[in-house]
N, C-alpha and C. Protein backbone atom coordinates (compact mmCIF):
# COMPACT_ATOMS: atom_id res chain seq x y z
N MET A 1 95.26 77.41 52.83
CA MET A 1 94.30 77.73 54.27
C MET A 1 93.89 79.26 52.98
N ARG A 2 92.29 78.37 53.76
CA ARG A 2 91.59 79.15 53.14
C ARG A 2 90.54 80.11 54.29
N LEU A 3 90.48 81.39 54.13
CA LEU A 3 89.49 82.37 54.47
C LEU A 3 88.22 83.13 53.47
N PRO A 4 86.97 83.06 54.68
CA PRO A 4 86.12 82.86 54.03
C PRO A 4 85.64 84.83 54.71
N CYS A 5 84.98 85.71 54.05
CA CYS A 5 85.45 86.97 54.54
C CYS A 5 84.35 88.44 53.54
N GLU A 6 84.31 88.95 53.98
CA GLU A 6 84.59 90.21 53.16
C GLU A 6 85.38 91.21 53.06
N VAL A 7 85.83 91.29 50.70
CA VAL A 7 86.82 92.28 50.28
C VAL A 7 86.55 92.96 49.55
N GLU A 8 87.43 94.03 50.03
CA GLU A 8 87.14 95.05 48.81
C GLU A 8 88.75 95.44 48.62
N VAL A 9 89.06 95.37 47.00
CA VAL A 9 90.28 96.12 46.55
C VAL A 9 90.07 97.02 46.02
N ARG A 10 91.31 97.97 46.76
CA ARG A 10 91.03 99.69 46.12
C ARG A 10 91.77 100.11 45.88
N SER A 11 91.82 100.84 44.25
CA SER A 11 93.37 100.94 43.65
C SER A 11 94.03 101.71 44.28
N CYS A 12 95.41 102.45 44.48
CA CYS A 12 96.02 103.48 44.95
C CYS A 12 96.06 104.17 44.16
N HIS A 13 95.66 104.11 42.80
CA HIS A 13 95.66 105.58 41.65
C HIS A 13 94.45 106.12 41.67
N LEU A 14 93.30 105.29 42.80
CA LEU A 14 91.99 106.40 41.93
C LEU A 14 92.27 107.55 43.17
N PRO A 15 93.20 108.45 44.36
CA PRO A 15 92.92 109.16 44.71
C PRO A 15 93.49 110.58 44.32
N THR A 16 94.87 109.37 43.46
CA THR A 16 95.12 110.74 42.76
C THR A 16 94.81 111.06 41.51
N LEU A 17 93.99 109.85 40.83
CA LEU A 17 92.69 110.94 39.81
C LEU A 17 91.21 111.20 40.15
N GLY A 18 91.64 111.48 41.74
CA GLY A 18 90.30 112.42 41.45
C GLY A 18 89.07 111.30 42.06
N LEU A 19 89.27 109.94 42.04
CA LEU A 19 88.47 108.94 41.95
C LEU A 19 88.31 109.29 43.40
N LYS A 20 87.29 108.11 43.81
CA LYS A 20 86.63 107.78 45.03
C LYS A 20 86.35 105.66 44.72
N SER A 21 86.80 105.16 45.42
CA SER A 21 86.68 103.91 45.76
C SER A 21 84.75 103.33 46.00
N ARG A 22 84.11 102.70 45.30
CA ARG A 22 82.72 102.09 45.39
C ARG A 22 82.45 102.34 47.46
N GLY A 23 83.52 101.36 47.92
CA GLY A 23 83.25 101.32 49.34
C GLY A 23 83.14 100.44 49.70
N LYS A 24 82.24 99.22 48.87
CA LYS A 24 81.16 97.95 49.56
C LYS A 24 82.45 96.98 49.57
N GLY A 25 82.58 96.47 50.12
CA GLY A 25 83.15 94.82 49.86
C GLY A 25 81.87 93.64 49.52
N VAL A 26 82.59 92.76 48.52
CA VAL A 26 81.82 91.18 48.38
C VAL A 26 82.64 90.49 49.28
N ARG A 27 81.43 89.23 49.64
CA ARG A 27 81.52 88.21 50.12
C ARG A 27 82.67 87.49 49.06
N ALA A 28 84.24 86.91 49.82
CA ALA A 28 85.07 85.95 48.76
C ALA A 28 85.87 85.18 50.15
N VAL A 29 86.24 84.13 49.37
CA VAL A 29 87.26 83.34 49.55
C VAL A 29 88.76 83.76 49.32
N VAL A 30 89.03 84.08 50.35
CA VAL A 30 90.61 84.69 50.34
C VAL A 30 91.96 83.11 50.97
N SER A 31 92.83 82.88 49.37
CA SER A 31 93.37 81.92 50.07
C SER A 31 94.97 82.15 49.55
N LEU A 32 95.28 81.89 50.84
CA LEU A 32 96.74 81.27 50.62
C LEU A 32 97.49 80.30 50.19
N CYS A 33 98.15 80.89 49.05
CA CYS A 33 98.06 79.19 48.13
C CYS A 33 99.69 79.54 47.34
N GLN A 34 100.68 78.34 47.43
CA GLN A 34 102.01 78.12 46.07
C GLN A 34 101.21 78.36 44.79
N ALA A 35 101.44 79.27 43.82
CA ALA A 35 101.46 78.89 42.52
C ALA A 35 102.57 77.58 41.81
N PRO A 36 101.98 77.01 41.27
CA PRO A 36 103.32 75.98 40.73
C PRO A 36 104.27 76.68 39.74
N GLY A 37 105.35 76.27 39.87
CA GLY A 37 106.18 76.64 39.46
C GLY A 37 107.16 75.88 38.06
N ARG A 38 107.69 76.42 37.15
CA ARG A 38 108.13 75.74 36.00
C ARG A 38 109.09 74.16 36.39
N ASN A 39 109.29 74.05 37.99
CA ASN A 39 110.43 73.01 38.43
C ASN A 39 109.59 72.11 38.78
N GLU A 40 107.66 71.94 39.09
CA GLU A 40 107.01 70.55 39.47
C GLU A 40 107.39 69.86 39.48
N LEU A 41 107.93 68.97 38.38
CA LEU A 41 107.98 67.82 38.20
C LEU A 41 109.02 66.91 38.66
N GLN A 42 110.14 68.27 39.08
CA GLN A 42 111.80 67.69 39.41
C GLN A 42 111.49 68.56 41.04
N PRO A 43 111.55 68.45 42.30
CA PRO A 43 110.92 68.91 43.04
C PRO A 43 112.82 69.23 43.85
N GLU A 44 113.76 68.48 43.48
CA GLU A 44 115.01 68.59 43.88
C GLU A 44 115.97 69.73 42.89
N ALA A 45 115.11 70.05 41.43
CA ALA A 45 115.43 70.96 41.07
C ALA A 45 115.19 72.53 41.40
N ARG A 46 114.06 73.04 42.30
CA ARG A 46 113.56 73.69 42.85
C ARG A 46 113.98 74.43 43.31
N THR A 47 114.22 75.93 43.11
CA THR A 47 115.11 76.88 44.16
C THR A 47 113.85 78.30 45.14
N GLU A 48 114.58 78.42 45.66
CA GLU A 48 114.27 79.30 46.35
C GLU A 48 113.54 80.59 45.68
N SER A 49 114.02 80.82 44.22
CA SER A 49 113.59 82.03 43.51
C SER A 49 111.79 81.18 42.94
N ASP A 50 112.42 79.97 42.34
CA ASP A 50 110.57 79.53 41.90
C ASP A 50 109.35 79.07 42.90
N SER A 51 109.91 79.32 43.78
CA SER A 51 108.85 79.41 45.01
C SER A 51 107.84 80.63 44.35
N ARG A 52 106.27 80.91 44.69
CA ARG A 52 105.50 81.58 44.15
C ARG A 52 104.56 81.84 45.20
N ALA A 53 104.64 82.28 46.34
CA ALA A 53 102.95 82.13 47.18
C ALA A 53 102.69 84.04 46.97
N CYS A 54 101.06 82.94 46.59
CA CYS A 54 100.19 84.10 46.38
C CYS A 54 98.99 84.37 47.34
N LEU A 55 98.30 85.56 46.90
CA LEU A 55 97.11 85.44 47.47
C LEU A 55 96.16 85.52 46.40
N LEU A 56 95.46 84.45 46.46
CA LEU A 56 94.02 84.19 45.66
C LEU A 56 92.94 84.73 46.13
N VAL A 57 92.21 85.74 45.70
CA VAL A 57 90.75 86.43 45.73
C VAL A 57 89.62 85.65 45.28
N SER A 58 88.48 84.93 45.70
CA SER A 58 87.60 84.54 44.93
C SER A 58 86.29 84.32 45.27
N THR A 59 85.36 85.44 44.32
CA THR A 59 83.81 85.93 44.53
C THR A 59 83.22 84.93 43.70
N MET A 60 82.13 84.96 43.86
CA MET A 60 80.32 84.70 43.45
C MET A 60 81.11 84.72 41.74
N LYS A 61 81.01 85.61 41.93
CA LYS A 61 81.28 86.23 40.04
C LYS A 61 82.23 85.76 39.79
N ASP A 62 83.53 85.85 40.42
CA ASP A 62 84.83 84.94 39.70
C ASP A 62 85.42 84.34 40.63
N ARG A 63 84.70 83.04 40.44
CA ARG A 63 85.45 81.90 41.33
C ARG A 63 86.77 81.36 40.70
N GLN A 64 87.78 81.55 39.43
CA GLN A 64 88.70 81.48 39.19
C GLN A 64 88.90 81.96 40.24
N GLY A 65 88.71 83.32 40.31
CA GLY A 65 89.07 84.64 41.26
C GLY A 65 90.91 84.73 41.01
N THR A 66 91.01 85.70 41.51
CA THR A 66 92.46 86.38 41.21
C THR A 66 93.10 86.55 41.81
N SER A 67 95.02 86.55 41.22
CA SER A 67 95.87 86.10 42.29
C SER A 67 96.36 86.51 42.50
N TYR A 68 97.22 87.56 43.51
CA TYR A 68 98.40 88.86 43.65
C TYR A 68 99.75 87.93 44.19
N LYS A 69 100.85 88.42 43.24
CA LYS A 69 102.25 87.66 44.10
C LYS A 69 102.42 88.06 45.50
N LEU A 70 103.18 87.07 45.87
CA LEU A 70 103.00 87.91 47.68
C LEU A 70 104.78 88.10 47.97
N ARG A 71 105.48 87.41 47.10
CA ARG A 71 107.31 87.64 47.61
C ARG A 71 107.44 89.03 47.29
N GLU A 72 107.80 89.79 48.36
CA GLU A 72 108.73 90.60 47.55
C GLU A 72 107.50 91.70 46.84
N ASN A 73 106.49 91.93 47.83
CA ASN A 73 105.54 92.71 47.43
C ASN A 73 104.48 93.29 47.97
N ILE A 74 104.45 93.00 49.20
CA ILE A 74 104.27 93.43 50.22
C ILE A 74 104.03 94.43 50.64
N GLU A 75 103.98 95.28 50.77
CA GLU A 75 104.46 97.14 50.82
C GLU A 75 104.25 97.21 52.58
N GLN A 76 102.81 96.53 53.09
CA GLN A 76 102.48 97.05 54.55
C GLN A 76 101.32 96.40 54.61
N LEU A 77 100.63 95.93 56.19
CA LEU A 77 100.41 94.81 56.60
C LEU A 77 99.27 95.76 57.73
N PHE A 78 98.24 96.34 57.23
CA PHE A 78 97.54 97.16 58.90
C PHE A 78 96.65 95.82 59.27
N THR A 79 96.82 96.61 60.78
CA THR A 79 96.43 95.04 62.02
C THR A 79 96.10 95.52 63.28
N LYS A 80 95.59 97.11 62.89
CA LYS A 80 95.52 97.33 64.49
C LYS A 80 93.63 97.14 64.68
N PHE A 81 93.18 96.35 63.60
CA PHE A 81 91.30 95.94 64.39
C PHE A 81 91.37 94.95 63.55
N VAL A 82 92.42 94.07 63.39
CA VAL A 82 92.65 93.14 63.88
C VAL A 82 91.27 92.11 64.83
N ASP A 83 91.06 92.35 66.30
CA ASP A 83 90.74 92.28 67.16
C ASP A 83 89.26 91.98 66.85
N GLU A 84 89.05 92.75 65.66
CA GLU A 84 87.18 93.05 65.34
C GLU A 84 87.16 92.36 63.31
N GLY A 85 88.10 91.63 63.34
CA GLY A 85 88.06 90.41 62.06
C GLY A 85 88.90 91.48 60.41
N LYS A 86 89.18 92.47 61.14
CA LYS A 86 89.27 93.39 59.99
C LYS A 86 90.76 93.63 60.14
N ALA A 87 91.60 93.93 58.13
CA ALA A 87 93.05 93.64 58.27
C ALA A 87 93.07 94.20 56.77
N THR A 88 94.45 95.04 56.46
CA THR A 88 94.50 95.23 55.06
C THR A 88 95.81 95.08 54.57
N VAL A 89 95.79 94.93 53.30
CA VAL A 89 97.00 94.35 53.14
C VAL A 89 97.66 94.99 51.86
N ARG A 90 98.47 96.00 52.05
CA ARG A 90 98.88 96.75 50.88
C ARG A 90 100.02 95.89 49.98
N LEU A 91 99.94 96.30 48.57
CA LEU A 91 100.79 95.41 47.52
C LEU A 91 101.37 96.61 46.95
N LYS A 92 102.50 96.26 46.75
CA LYS A 92 103.78 96.95 45.45
C LYS A 92 103.11 97.15 43.63
N GLU A 93 103.17 95.70 43.46
CA GLU A 93 102.48 95.58 41.93
C GLU A 93 101.32 94.62 41.83
N PRO A 94 100.50 94.84 41.35
CA PRO A 94 99.32 96.16 41.49
C PRO A 94 99.17 96.99 42.68
N PRO A 95 99.73 98.08 42.50
CA PRO A 95 99.61 99.07 43.47
C PRO A 95 97.80 98.91 44.02
N VAL A 96 97.79 98.17 45.22
CA VAL A 96 96.30 97.86 45.31
C VAL A 96 96.45 97.19 47.21
N ASP A 97 94.85 98.25 48.01
CA ASP A 97 94.84 97.86 48.91
C ASP A 97 93.79 96.28 49.41
N ILE A 98 94.23 95.43 49.51
CA ILE A 98 93.03 94.46 49.54
C ILE A 98 92.52 94.59 51.35
N CYS A 99 90.85 94.88 51.54
CA CYS A 99 90.68 95.44 52.40
C CYS A 99 89.81 93.91 53.51
N LEU A 100 90.32 93.26 54.07
CA LEU A 100 89.42 92.13 54.63
C LEU A 100 88.95 92.57 55.91
N SER A 101 87.25 92.04 55.72
CA SER A 101 86.59 92.61 57.37
C SER A 101 85.25 91.30 57.23
N LYS A 102 84.73 91.46 58.59
CA LYS A 102 83.82 90.53 58.44
C LYS A 102 83.88 89.32 58.72
N ASP A 103 85.25 88.67 59.21
CA ASP A 103 85.79 87.59 59.15
C ASP A 103 84.88 86.30 60.18
N SER A 104 84.23 85.17 59.02
CA SER A 104 83.03 84.30 60.15
C SER A 104 84.04 84.03 61.45
N ILE A 105 85.40 84.04 61.49
CA ILE A 105 85.84 82.98 62.76
C ILE A 105 85.61 84.30 64.17
N TRP A 106 85.11 85.28 63.69
CA TRP A 106 85.39 85.93 65.01
C TRP A 106 83.98 85.95 65.18
N PRO A 107 83.03 86.44 66.72
CA PRO A 107 82.23 85.55 66.74
C PRO A 107 81.14 86.67 66.74
């Protein structure tokens, strides 16, 4: 699944250090994918622990993208403004907030 939108990745450590984030997102493509596992060639040997769902954030500068593990790593989803095309995913490790906005699906 690919979602073109504006993304801002904020570190949760910044407020504790007395720093502020830039506050500006960049155009990116957010993809929900499954990273290849060790038992990729033998599907019958794959276990549930081998599945590696990840969130891939690709920008024009970083076309390869940054991958964030999702399994047992999502701390909270903020979806109060999903009708306006905005959402935030808070991850445990690394401690970041991935803010999605200006989703092109919404008119």
